[in-house]
């Protein structure tokens, strides 16, 4: 992915058919209090005991749940996944250094457009939050849903985290049928991001 997150489509070819990148120009963004309430979970916090942490060369790091496995991603990034039977991706997490023109101000729109550029379709923005305090830095996030070129459907949380050392994009995604079960783990992992 040009934003610095590996495409699940590439992972899917190597692991299984899947892709995680949520961006496009379709859909509507929730505004005001309802959008902010959708991100009430977004508070920086250390990972729970027993969660491994994976750093990337930029100095950023993210923790992930036990039972998730490191999988191949782009150089300079870290990617982990929760794999089901037949290596089906039930959950996905990627952290990538900032690589494009994404900013705190434009991230929700940028991410949706980026996913559309990657070939995703049926993109719907479910919620977004901009320039939230995140420890000693700030973050902007978007939650969206989309279908990949292969027809696989995903719900995605993507956050641009600007910290004192670096800026990163952290993405978590899961198929709609596993989203309710996996999303609390993705949220907790995103909240552990160090930038």
N, C-alpha and C. Protein backbone atom coordinates (compact mmCIF):
# COMPACT_ATOMS: atom_id res chain seq x y z
N UNK A 1 0.83 -1.17 0.00
CA UNK A 1 0.00 0.00 0.00
C UNK A 1 0.88 1.23 0.00
N UNK A 2 0.48 2.21 -0.74
CA UNK A 2 1.25 3.44 -0.82
C UNK A 2 1.24 4.22 0.46
N UNK A 3 0.26 4.00 1.35
CA UNK A 3 0.24 4.75 2.60
C UNK A 3 1.18 4.13 3.60
N UNK A 4 1.79 3.04 3.26
CA UNK A 4 2.71 2.43 4.18
C UNK A 4 2.13 1.22 4.86
N UNK A 5 1.00 0.73 4.43
CA UNK A 5 0.47 -0.49 5.00
C UNK A 5 0.40 -1.53 3.90
N UNK A 6 0.79 -2.74 4.23
CA UNK A 6 0.79 -3.81 3.23
C UNK A 6 -0.64 -4.14 2.85
N UNK A 7 -0.84 -4.44 1.60
CA UNK A 7 -2.17 -4.81 1.10
C UNK A 7 -2.45 -6.24 1.50
N UNK A 8 -3.64 -6.51 1.98
CA UNK A 8 -4.01 -7.89 2.27
C UNK A 8 -4.06 -8.69 0.98
N UNK A 9 -4.33 -8.03 -0.12
CA UNK A 9 -4.36 -8.77 -1.38
C UNK A 9 -3.02 -9.45 -1.62
N UNK A 10 -1.92 -8.74 -1.34
CA UNK A 10 -0.60 -9.34 -1.51
C UNK A 10 -0.41 -10.45 -0.49
N UNK A 11 -0.84 -10.20 0.73
CA UNK A 11 -0.74 -11.22 1.76
C UNK A 11 -1.62 -12.40 1.39
N UNK A 12 -2.79 -12.10 0.84
CA UNK A 12 -3.73 -13.15 0.49
C UNK A 12 -3.14 -14.08 -0.55
N UNK A 13 -2.41 -13.53 -1.50
CA UNK A 13 -1.79 -14.37 -2.51
C UNK A 13 -0.77 -15.29 -1.84
N UNK A 14 -0.02 -14.74 -0.88
CA UNK A 14 0.98 -15.53 -0.20
C UNK A 14 0.37 -16.44 0.86
N UNK A 15 -0.68 -15.95 1.52
CA UNK A 15 -1.25 -16.71 2.62
C UNK A 15 -2.60 -17.29 2.25
N UNK A 16 -3.49 -16.44 1.76
CA UNK A 16 -4.85 -16.83 1.38
C UNK A 16 -5.44 -15.66 0.62
N UNK A 17 -6.62 -15.82 0.09
CA UNK A 17 -7.27 -14.73 -0.63
C UNK A 17 -7.85 -13.75 0.35
N UNK A 18 -7.24 -12.55 0.44
CA UNK A 18 -7.73 -11.52 1.34
C UNK A 18 -7.04 -10.22 1.01
N UNK A 19 -7.54 -9.11 1.58
CA UNK A 19 -6.88 -7.83 1.41
C UNK A 19 -7.39 -6.88 2.45
N UNK A 20 -6.50 -6.05 2.99
CA UNK A 20 -6.96 -5.10 3.98
C UNK A 20 -6.40 -3.73 3.69
N UNK A 21 -7.21 -2.87 3.22
CA UNK A 21 -6.82 -1.49 3.00
C UNK A 21 -8.09 -0.67 2.98
N UNK A 22 -8.57 0.13 3.74
CA UNK A 22 -9.89 0.70 3.59
C UNK A 22 -9.83 2.12 3.19
N UNK A 23 -10.04 2.40 1.94
CA UNK A 23 -10.08 3.78 1.49
C UNK A 23 -10.84 3.85 0.21
N UNK A 24 -11.52 4.87 0.00
CA UNK A 24 -12.26 5.10 -1.22
C UNK A 24 -13.03 6.35 -1.05
N UNK A 25 -13.74 6.74 -2.07
CA UNK A 25 -14.44 7.99 -1.97
C UNK A 25 -15.92 7.80 -1.70
N UNK A 26 -16.37 6.55 -1.53
CA UNK A 26 -17.78 6.32 -1.28
C UNK A 26 -18.12 6.43 0.17
N UNK A 27 -19.39 6.49 0.46
CA UNK A 27 -19.86 6.45 1.84
C UNK A 27 -19.96 7.81 2.48
N UNK A 28 -20.51 7.80 3.67
CA UNK A 28 -20.67 9.02 4.43
C UNK A 28 -19.98 8.86 5.77
N UNK A 29 -19.45 9.95 6.28
CA UNK A 29 -18.77 9.93 7.56
C UNK A 29 -19.72 10.41 8.63
N UNK A 30 -19.77 9.71 9.76
CA UNK A 30 -20.55 10.19 10.89
C UNK A 30 -19.88 11.45 11.39
N UNK A 31 -20.67 12.42 11.82
CA UNK A 31 -20.12 13.70 12.26
C UNK A 31 -20.36 13.90 13.75
N UNK A 32 -19.56 14.82 14.32
CA UNK A 32 -19.80 15.30 15.67
C UNK A 32 -19.68 14.24 16.74
N UNK A 33 -20.57 14.33 17.73
CA UNK A 33 -20.49 13.49 18.91
C UNK A 33 -20.60 12.01 18.59
N UNK A 34 -21.47 11.63 17.65
CA UNK A 34 -21.62 10.20 17.36
C UNK A 34 -20.33 9.62 16.80
N UNK A 35 -19.61 10.37 15.96
CA UNK A 35 -18.35 9.89 15.43
C UNK A 35 -17.31 9.79 16.55
N UNK A 36 -17.25 10.79 17.41
CA UNK A 36 -16.30 10.75 18.52
C UNK A 36 -16.62 9.59 19.46
N UNK A 37 -17.91 9.35 19.72
CA UNK A 37 -18.31 8.25 20.61
C UNK A 37 -17.87 6.91 20.03
N UNK A 38 -17.85 6.79 18.71
CA UNK A 38 -17.41 5.56 18.07
C UNK A 38 -15.94 5.27 18.31
N UNK A 39 -15.21 6.25 18.81
CA UNK A 39 -13.78 6.07 19.07
C UNK A 39 -13.46 6.25 20.56
N UNK A 40 -14.44 6.00 21.41
CA UNK A 40 -14.21 6.13 22.85
C UNK A 40 -13.11 5.19 23.34
N UNK A 41 -12.89 4.10 22.65
CA UNK A 41 -11.85 3.12 22.99
C UNK A 41 -10.44 3.64 22.71
N UNK A 42 -10.31 4.71 21.93
CA UNK A 42 -9.01 5.16 21.43
C UNK A 42 -8.26 5.97 22.47
N UNK A 43 -7.59 5.26 23.36
CA UNK A 43 -6.78 5.87 24.41
C UNK A 43 -5.47 5.11 24.49
N UNK A 44 -4.32 5.80 24.41
CA UNK A 44 -3.06 5.08 24.48
C UNK A 44 -2.92 4.36 25.81
N UNK A 45 -2.47 3.13 25.74
CA UNK A 45 -2.30 2.33 26.95
C UNK A 45 -1.31 1.21 26.67
N UNK A 46 -0.55 0.81 27.68
CA UNK A 46 0.34 -0.33 27.48
C UNK A 46 -0.48 -1.56 27.12
N UNK A 47 0.12 -2.45 26.37
CA UNK A 47 -0.55 -3.69 26.00
C UNK A 47 -0.73 -4.57 27.23
N UNK A 48 -1.74 -5.43 27.20
CA UNK A 48 -1.91 -6.37 28.31
C UNK A 48 -0.68 -7.28 28.45
N UNK A 49 -0.48 -7.78 29.64
CA UNK A 49 0.63 -8.71 29.90
C UNK A 49 0.52 -9.90 28.94
N UNK A 50 1.65 -10.29 28.39
CA UNK A 50 1.68 -11.43 27.50
C UNK A 50 1.51 -11.10 26.03
N UNK A 51 1.20 -9.84 25.71
CA UNK A 51 1.09 -9.45 24.30
C UNK A 51 2.49 -9.16 23.77
N UNK A 52 2.89 -9.82 22.68
CA UNK A 52 4.18 -9.49 22.07
C UNK A 52 4.14 -8.09 21.44
N UNK A 53 5.30 -7.48 21.34
CA UNK A 53 5.41 -6.17 20.69
C UNK A 53 6.36 -6.32 19.52
N UNK A 54 5.98 -5.72 18.39
CA UNK A 54 6.82 -5.76 17.21
C UNK A 54 7.21 -4.33 16.82
N UNK A 55 8.51 -4.04 16.79
CA UNK A 55 8.96 -2.72 16.37
C UNK A 55 9.20 -2.69 14.86
N UNK A 56 9.22 -1.48 14.31
CA UNK A 56 9.64 -1.30 12.92
C UNK A 56 10.85 -0.37 12.92
N UNK A 57 11.62 -0.34 11.84
CA UNK A 57 12.86 0.44 11.83
C UNK A 57 12.70 1.93 12.14
N UNK A 58 11.53 2.51 11.89
CA UNK A 58 11.35 3.94 12.15
C UNK A 58 11.34 4.26 13.64
N UNK A 59 11.27 3.21 14.47
CA UNK A 59 11.21 3.41 15.92
C UNK A 59 9.82 3.21 16.49
N UNK A 60 8.81 3.07 15.65
CA UNK A 60 7.45 2.82 16.11
C UNK A 60 7.31 1.34 16.47
N UNK A 61 6.27 1.03 17.23
CA UNK A 61 6.00 -0.36 17.61
C UNK A 61 4.51 -0.51 17.89
N UNK A 62 4.04 -1.74 17.75
CA UNK A 62 2.66 -2.07 18.10
C UNK A 62 2.67 -3.43 18.77
N UNK A 63 1.78 -3.62 19.72
CA UNK A 63 1.63 -4.91 20.38
C UNK A 63 0.45 -5.64 19.77
N UNK A 64 0.47 -6.96 19.88
CA UNK A 64 -0.61 -7.74 19.27
C UNK A 64 -0.98 -8.91 20.16
N UNK A 65 -2.19 -9.43 19.99
CA UNK A 65 -2.66 -10.50 20.89
C UNK A 65 -1.89 -11.80 20.72
N UNK A 66 -1.75 -12.55 21.80
CA UNK A 66 -1.18 -13.89 21.69
C UNK A 66 -2.04 -14.72 20.73
N UNK A 67 -1.40 -15.59 19.99
CA UNK A 67 -2.14 -16.41 19.04
C UNK A 67 -2.17 -15.82 17.64
N UNK A 68 -1.83 -14.54 17.50
CA UNK A 68 -1.69 -13.92 16.18
C UNK A 68 -0.27 -14.20 15.71
N UNK A 69 -0.09 -14.34 14.41
CA UNK A 69 1.20 -14.72 13.85
C UNK A 69 1.77 -13.62 12.97
N UNK A 70 3.09 -13.45 13.05
CA UNK A 70 3.77 -12.53 12.12
C UNK A 70 3.66 -13.12 10.72
N UNK A 71 3.32 -12.28 9.75
CA UNK A 71 3.26 -12.72 8.36
C UNK A 71 4.05 -11.73 7.52
N UNK A 72 4.37 -12.14 6.32
CA UNK A 72 5.18 -11.32 5.43
C UNK A 72 4.45 -10.03 5.08
N UNK A 73 5.19 -8.93 5.08
CA UNK A 73 4.67 -7.63 4.67
C UNK A 73 5.75 -6.87 3.93
N UNK A 74 5.48 -5.62 3.64
CA UNK A 74 6.45 -4.78 2.95
C UNK A 74 7.67 -4.51 3.84
N UNK A 75 8.84 -4.28 3.25
CA UNK A 75 10.03 -3.93 4.04
C UNK A 75 9.76 -2.68 4.89
N UNK A 76 10.25 -2.68 6.13
CA UNK A 76 10.08 -1.54 7.01
C UNK A 76 8.75 -1.50 7.74
N UNK A 77 7.92 -2.53 7.53
CA UNK A 77 6.61 -2.60 8.16
C UNK A 77 6.55 -3.84 9.04
N UNK A 78 5.48 -3.97 9.82
CA UNK A 78 5.23 -5.19 10.58
C UNK A 78 3.78 -5.58 10.37
N UNK A 79 3.55 -6.86 10.10
CA UNK A 79 2.21 -7.36 9.85
C UNK A 79 1.99 -8.63 10.65
N UNK A 80 0.84 -8.70 11.32
CA UNK A 80 0.45 -9.90 12.04
C UNK A 80 -0.98 -10.23 11.66
N UNK A 81 -1.35 -11.51 11.82
CA UNK A 81 -2.71 -11.91 11.47
C UNK A 81 -3.18 -13.02 12.39
N UNK A 82 -4.48 -13.06 12.57
CA UNK A 82 -5.15 -14.17 13.22
C UNK A 82 -5.64 -15.07 12.08
N UNK A 83 -5.08 -16.27 12.03
CA UNK A 83 -5.38 -17.16 10.91
C UNK A 83 -6.33 -18.26 11.36
N UNK A 84 -7.34 -18.51 10.52
CA UNK A 84 -8.28 -19.59 10.78
C UNK A 84 -7.90 -20.82 9.98
N UNK A 85 -8.84 -21.72 9.86
CA UNK A 85 -8.57 -22.94 9.11
C UNK A 85 -8.27 -22.59 7.66
N UNK A 86 -7.34 -23.33 7.08
CA UNK A 86 -6.93 -23.05 5.71
C UNK A 86 -6.22 -21.73 5.56
N UNK A 87 -5.67 -21.21 6.66
CA UNK A 87 -4.96 -19.93 6.66
C UNK A 87 -5.86 -18.75 6.29
N UNK A 88 -7.16 -18.89 6.52
CA UNK A 88 -8.08 -17.78 6.29
C UNK A 88 -7.76 -16.66 7.28
N UNK A 89 -7.68 -15.44 6.79
CA UNK A 89 -7.39 -14.30 7.66
C UNK A 89 -8.66 -13.88 8.37
N UNK A 90 -8.65 -14.03 9.71
CA UNK A 90 -9.78 -13.65 10.54
C UNK A 90 -9.56 -12.29 11.18
N UNK A 91 -8.31 -11.86 11.23
CA UNK A 91 -7.94 -10.56 11.77
C UNK A 91 -6.58 -10.18 11.22
N UNK A 92 -6.35 -8.89 11.06
CA UNK A 92 -5.13 -8.40 10.41
C UNK A 92 -4.70 -7.12 11.11
N UNK A 93 -3.40 -6.96 11.29
CA UNK A 93 -2.86 -5.76 11.92
C UNK A 93 -1.55 -5.42 11.23
N UNK A 94 -1.39 -4.15 10.84
CA UNK A 94 -0.17 -3.72 10.17
C UNK A 94 0.22 -2.34 10.68
N UNK A 95 1.52 -2.13 10.87
CA UNK A 95 2.04 -0.80 11.20
C UNK A 95 3.12 -0.47 10.18
N UNK A 96 3.02 0.74 9.64
CA UNK A 96 3.89 1.18 8.55
C UNK A 96 4.27 2.64 8.79
N UNK A 97 5.52 3.01 8.53
CA UNK A 97 5.88 4.43 8.66
C UNK A 97 5.13 5.26 7.62
N UNK A 98 4.93 6.51 7.93
CA UNK A 98 4.30 7.43 6.97
C UNK A 98 5.11 7.41 5.68
N UNK A 99 4.40 7.24 4.56
CA UNK A 99 5.09 7.16 3.28
C UNK A 99 4.52 8.08 2.22
N UNK A 100 3.44 8.74 2.50
CA UNK A 100 2.79 9.57 1.49
C UNK A 100 2.36 10.90 2.07
N UNK A 101 1.39 11.54 1.44
CA UNK A 101 0.94 12.85 1.89
C UNK A 101 -0.13 12.80 2.97
N UNK A 102 -0.29 11.66 3.65
CA UNK A 102 -1.28 11.59 4.71
C UNK A 102 -0.90 12.52 5.87
N UNK A 103 -1.90 13.18 6.43
CA UNK A 103 -1.72 14.08 7.56
C UNK A 103 -2.84 13.84 8.56
N UNK A 104 -2.71 14.42 9.72
CA UNK A 104 -3.80 14.34 10.70
C UNK A 104 -5.08 14.95 10.13
N UNK A 105 -4.95 16.04 9.40
CA UNK A 105 -6.12 16.75 8.89
C UNK A 105 -6.82 16.00 7.76
N UNK A 106 -6.06 15.30 6.91
CA UNK A 106 -6.67 14.70 5.73
C UNK A 106 -6.82 13.19 5.80
N UNK A 107 -6.48 12.57 6.92
CA UNK A 107 -6.32 11.12 6.92
C UNK A 107 -7.57 10.34 6.51
N UNK A 108 -8.73 10.67 7.03
CA UNK A 108 -9.93 9.89 6.71
C UNK A 108 -10.18 9.90 5.20
N UNK A 109 -10.13 11.07 4.61
CA UNK A 109 -10.35 11.17 3.16
C UNK A 109 -9.22 10.49 2.39
N UNK A 110 -7.99 10.74 2.82
CA UNK A 110 -6.82 10.15 2.17
C UNK A 110 -6.92 8.63 2.16
N UNK A 111 -7.25 8.06 3.32
CA UNK A 111 -7.29 6.59 3.44
C UNK A 111 -8.35 5.99 2.52
N UNK A 112 -9.52 6.59 2.51
CA UNK A 112 -10.61 6.09 1.67
C UNK A 112 -10.23 6.20 0.19
N UNK A 113 -9.67 7.33 -0.20
CA UNK A 113 -9.22 7.48 -1.59
C UNK A 113 -8.13 6.47 -1.93
N UNK A 114 -7.21 6.27 -1.00
CA UNK A 114 -6.12 5.33 -1.23
C UNK A 114 -6.67 3.92 -1.47
N UNK A 115 -7.61 3.50 -0.67
CA UNK A 115 -8.16 2.16 -0.85
C UNK A 115 -8.84 2.02 -2.20
N UNK A 116 -9.53 3.07 -2.63
CA UNK A 116 -10.13 3.05 -3.96
C UNK A 116 -9.06 2.93 -5.04
N UNK A 117 -7.96 3.65 -4.86
CA UNK A 117 -6.85 3.57 -5.82
C UNK A 117 -6.25 2.16 -5.86
N UNK A 118 -6.34 1.43 -4.75
CA UNK A 118 -5.81 0.07 -4.68
C UNK A 118 -6.74 -0.95 -5.33
N UNK A 119 -7.93 -0.51 -5.76
CA UNK A 119 -8.87 -1.41 -6.42
C UNK A 119 -10.01 -1.89 -5.55
N UNK A 120 -10.07 -1.43 -4.30
CA UNK A 120 -11.20 -1.79 -3.46
C UNK A 120 -12.44 -1.08 -3.97
N UNK A 121 -13.61 -1.65 -3.70
CA UNK A 121 -14.86 -1.05 -4.16
C UNK A 121 -15.94 -1.22 -3.11
N UNK A 122 -17.07 -0.58 -3.32
CA UNK A 122 -18.14 -0.63 -2.33
C UNK A 122 -17.69 -0.06 -1.00
N UNK A 123 -16.83 0.95 -1.04
CA UNK A 123 -16.24 1.51 0.18
C UNK A 123 -17.25 2.40 0.88
N UNK A 124 -17.43 2.16 2.17
CA UNK A 124 -18.32 2.97 2.98
C UNK A 124 -17.57 3.44 4.20
N UNK A 125 -17.52 4.75 4.41
CA UNK A 125 -16.93 5.29 5.63
C UNK A 125 -17.97 5.17 6.73
N UNK A 126 -17.61 4.50 7.82
CA UNK A 126 -18.53 4.26 8.92
C UNK A 126 -18.39 5.30 10.03
N UNK A 127 -17.18 5.76 10.28
CA UNK A 127 -16.92 6.76 11.32
C UNK A 127 -15.51 7.30 11.13
N UNK A 128 -15.28 8.48 11.65
CA UNK A 128 -13.94 9.08 11.59
C UNK A 128 -13.76 10.03 12.76
N UNK A 129 -12.52 10.19 13.15
CA UNK A 129 -12.17 11.17 14.17
C UNK A 129 -10.85 11.81 13.75
N UNK A 130 -10.70 13.08 14.03
CA UNK A 130 -9.55 13.84 13.54
C UNK A 130 -8.85 14.56 14.68
N UNK A 131 -7.53 14.50 14.66
CA UNK A 131 -6.66 15.25 15.57
C UNK A 131 -7.01 15.04 17.04
N UNK A 132 -7.13 13.79 17.42
CA UNK A 132 -7.35 13.46 18.83
C UNK A 132 -6.02 13.36 19.55
N UNK A 133 -6.01 13.80 20.78
CA UNK A 133 -4.81 13.64 21.60
C UNK A 133 -4.54 12.14 21.78
N UNK A 134 -3.29 11.75 21.65
CA UNK A 134 -2.90 10.35 21.78
C UNK A 134 -1.57 10.34 22.52
N UNK A 135 -1.62 10.31 23.83
CA UNK A 135 -0.41 10.42 24.64
C UNK A 135 0.25 11.75 24.39
N UNK A 136 1.54 11.75 24.04
CA UNK A 136 2.24 13.00 23.75
C UNK A 136 2.15 13.37 22.27
N UNK A 137 1.29 12.67 21.53
CA UNK A 137 1.09 12.97 20.11
C UNK A 137 -0.38 13.14 19.79
N UNK A 138 -0.72 12.91 18.54
CA UNK A 138 -2.10 13.01 18.09
C UNK A 138 -2.38 11.87 17.11
N UNK A 139 -3.67 11.60 16.92
CA UNK A 139 -4.07 10.59 15.95
C UNK A 139 -5.35 11.00 15.25
N UNK A 140 -5.50 10.55 14.03
CA UNK A 140 -6.74 10.66 13.26
C UNK A 140 -7.05 9.26 12.74
N UNK A 141 -8.32 8.85 12.83
CA UNK A 141 -8.69 7.48 12.47
C UNK A 141 -9.94 7.46 11.61
N UNK A 142 -10.08 6.39 10.86
CA UNK A 142 -11.28 6.15 10.07
C UNK A 142 -11.65 4.67 10.19
N UNK A 143 -12.94 4.41 10.28
CA UNK A 143 -13.45 3.04 10.18
C UNK A 143 -14.26 2.95 8.91
N UNK A 144 -13.98 1.94 8.10
CA UNK A 144 -14.69 1.80 6.84
C UNK A 144 -14.91 0.33 6.54
N UNK A 145 -15.70 0.08 5.52
CA UNK A 145 -15.89 -1.28 5.02
C UNK A 145 -15.73 -1.24 3.51
N UNK A 146 -15.34 -2.37 2.93
CA UNK A 146 -15.07 -2.40 1.50
C UNK A 146 -14.98 -3.84 1.01
N UNK A 147 -14.95 -4.00 -0.28
CA UNK A 147 -14.70 -5.29 -0.91
C UNK A 147 -13.41 -5.16 -1.72
N UNK A 148 -12.61 -6.21 -1.70
CA UNK A 148 -11.35 -6.21 -2.45
C UNK A 148 -11.61 -6.62 -3.90
N UNK A 149 -10.54 -6.57 -4.69
CA UNK A 149 -10.64 -7.01 -6.09
C UNK A 149 -11.12 -8.45 -6.20
N UNK A 150 -10.77 -9.27 -5.20
CA UNK A 150 -11.16 -10.67 -5.23
C UNK A 150 -12.58 -10.90 -4.72
N UNK A 151 -13.22 -9.83 -4.22
CA UNK A 151 -14.58 -9.94 -3.69
C UNK A 151 -14.63 -10.18 -2.20
N UNK A 152 -13.47 -10.34 -1.54
CA UNK A 152 -13.45 -10.51 -0.09
C UNK A 152 -13.88 -9.20 0.56
N UNK A 153 -14.69 -9.29 1.61
CA UNK A 153 -15.18 -8.09 2.30
C UNK A 153 -14.46 -7.93 3.63
N UNK A 154 -14.18 -6.67 3.99
CA UNK A 154 -13.51 -6.35 5.24
C UNK A 154 -14.11 -5.12 5.89
N UNK A 155 -14.00 -5.09 7.21
CA UNK A 155 -14.21 -3.88 7.99
C UNK A 155 -12.82 -3.50 8.48
N UNK A 156 -12.52 -2.20 8.44
CA UNK A 156 -11.17 -1.76 8.75
C UNK A 156 -11.18 -0.57 9.71
N UNK A 157 -10.22 -0.56 10.61
CA UNK A 157 -9.87 0.61 11.41
C UNK A 157 -8.47 1.02 10.98
N UNK A 158 -8.31 2.26 10.57
CA UNK A 158 -7.00 2.76 10.16
C UNK A 158 -6.73 4.06 10.90
N UNK A 159 -5.57 4.17 11.49
CA UNK A 159 -5.22 5.38 12.24
C UNK A 159 -3.86 5.90 11.79
N UNK A 160 -3.77 7.21 11.66
CA UNK A 160 -2.50 7.89 11.43
C UNK A 160 -2.08 8.43 12.79
N UNK A 161 -0.96 7.94 13.30
CA UNK A 161 -0.48 8.33 14.63
C UNK A 161 0.77 9.18 14.45
N UNK A 162 0.71 10.41 14.94
CA UNK A 162 1.85 11.31 14.89
C UNK A 162 2.39 11.44 16.31
N UNK A 163 3.58 10.89 16.54
CA UNK A 163 4.16 10.90 17.87
C UNK A 163 5.40 11.76 17.93
N UNK A 164 6.07 11.76 19.07
CA UNK A 164 7.26 12.59 19.24
C UNK A 164 8.45 12.12 18.40
N UNK A 165 8.50 10.83 18.01
CA UNK A 165 9.63 10.30 17.25
C UNK A 165 9.34 10.13 15.77
N UNK A 166 8.12 9.75 15.44
CA UNK A 166 7.80 9.38 14.08
C UNK A 166 6.29 9.44 13.85
N UNK A 167 5.88 9.25 12.62
CA UNK A 167 4.46 9.14 12.27
C UNK A 167 4.25 7.82 11.56
N UNK A 168 3.17 7.12 11.93
CA UNK A 168 2.89 5.82 11.35
C UNK A 168 1.41 5.68 11.02
N UNK A 169 1.14 4.73 10.13
CA UNK A 169 -0.22 4.30 9.86
C UNK A 169 -0.36 2.91 10.45
N UNK A 170 -1.37 2.73 11.29
CA UNK A 170 -1.65 1.41 11.85
C UNK A 170 -3.04 1.01 11.39
N UNK A 171 -3.14 -0.19 10.84
CA UNK A 171 -4.39 -0.68 10.25
C UNK A 171 -4.75 -2.01 10.87
N UNK A 172 -6.01 -2.15 11.25
CA UNK A 172 -6.55 -3.42 11.68
C UNK A 172 -7.78 -3.72 10.85
N UNK A 173 -7.95 -4.96 10.43
CA UNK A 173 -9.09 -5.32 9.60
C UNK A 173 -9.53 -6.74 9.90
N UNK A 174 -10.79 -7.02 9.57
CA UNK A 174 -11.33 -8.37 9.73
C UNK A 174 -12.53 -8.51 8.82
N UNK A 175 -12.84 -9.73 8.40
CA UNK A 175 -14.07 -9.95 7.64
C UNK A 175 -15.28 -9.58 8.51
N UNK A 176 -16.37 -9.13 7.91
CA UNK A 176 -17.55 -8.73 8.69
C UNK A 176 -18.02 -9.80 9.67
N UNK A 177 -17.92 -11.07 9.30
CA UNK A 177 -18.41 -12.14 10.17
C UNK A 177 -17.54 -12.34 11.41
N UNK A 178 -16.29 -11.88 11.40
CA UNK A 178 -15.46 -11.99 12.60
C UNK A 178 -15.21 -10.63 13.26
N UNK A 179 -15.75 -9.55 12.70
CA UNK A 179 -15.46 -8.22 13.21
C UNK A 179 -15.86 -8.03 14.67
N UNK A 180 -17.06 -8.46 15.05
CA UNK A 180 -17.50 -8.24 16.42
C UNK A 180 -16.58 -8.92 17.42
N UNK A 181 -16.09 -10.09 17.08
CA UNK A 181 -15.22 -10.83 17.98
C UNK A 181 -13.79 -10.28 17.99
N UNK A 182 -13.30 -9.86 16.83
CA UNK A 182 -11.90 -9.46 16.68
C UNK A 182 -11.68 -7.96 16.93
N UNK A 183 -12.67 -7.13 16.68
CA UNK A 183 -12.45 -5.68 16.76
C UNK A 183 -11.97 -5.20 18.13
N UNK A 184 -12.42 -5.76 19.27
CA UNK A 184 -11.84 -5.29 20.54
C UNK A 184 -10.33 -5.54 20.63
N UNK A 185 -9.86 -6.63 20.02
CA UNK A 185 -8.42 -6.91 20.02
C UNK A 185 -7.68 -5.92 19.11
N UNK A 186 -8.28 -5.61 17.97
CA UNK A 186 -7.68 -4.64 17.06
C UNK A 186 -7.63 -3.26 17.73
N UNK A 187 -8.71 -2.87 18.38
CA UNK A 187 -8.73 -1.59 19.08
C UNK A 187 -7.67 -1.52 20.16
N UNK A 188 -7.53 -2.61 20.91
CA UNK A 188 -6.53 -2.64 21.99
C UNK A 188 -5.12 -2.56 21.41
N UNK A 189 -4.90 -3.25 20.28
CA UNK A 189 -3.59 -3.20 19.63
C UNK A 189 -3.29 -1.80 19.13
N UNK A 190 -4.25 -1.17 18.47
CA UNK A 190 -4.04 0.21 17.98
C UNK A 190 -3.73 1.14 19.15
N UNK A 191 -4.42 0.95 20.27
CA UNK A 191 -4.18 1.80 21.45
C UNK A 191 -2.79 1.62 22.03
N UNK A 192 -2.12 0.51 21.68
CA UNK A 192 -0.76 0.26 22.20
C UNK A 192 0.32 0.86 21.31
N UNK A 193 -0.07 1.47 20.18
CA UNK A 193 0.91 1.98 19.22
C UNK A 193 1.82 3.03 19.85
N UNK A 194 3.11 2.85 19.61
CA UNK A 194 4.12 3.83 20.03
C UNK A 194 4.73 4.45 18.79
N UNK A 195 4.73 5.78 18.73
CA UNK A 195 5.29 6.47 17.56
C UNK A 195 6.25 7.56 18.02
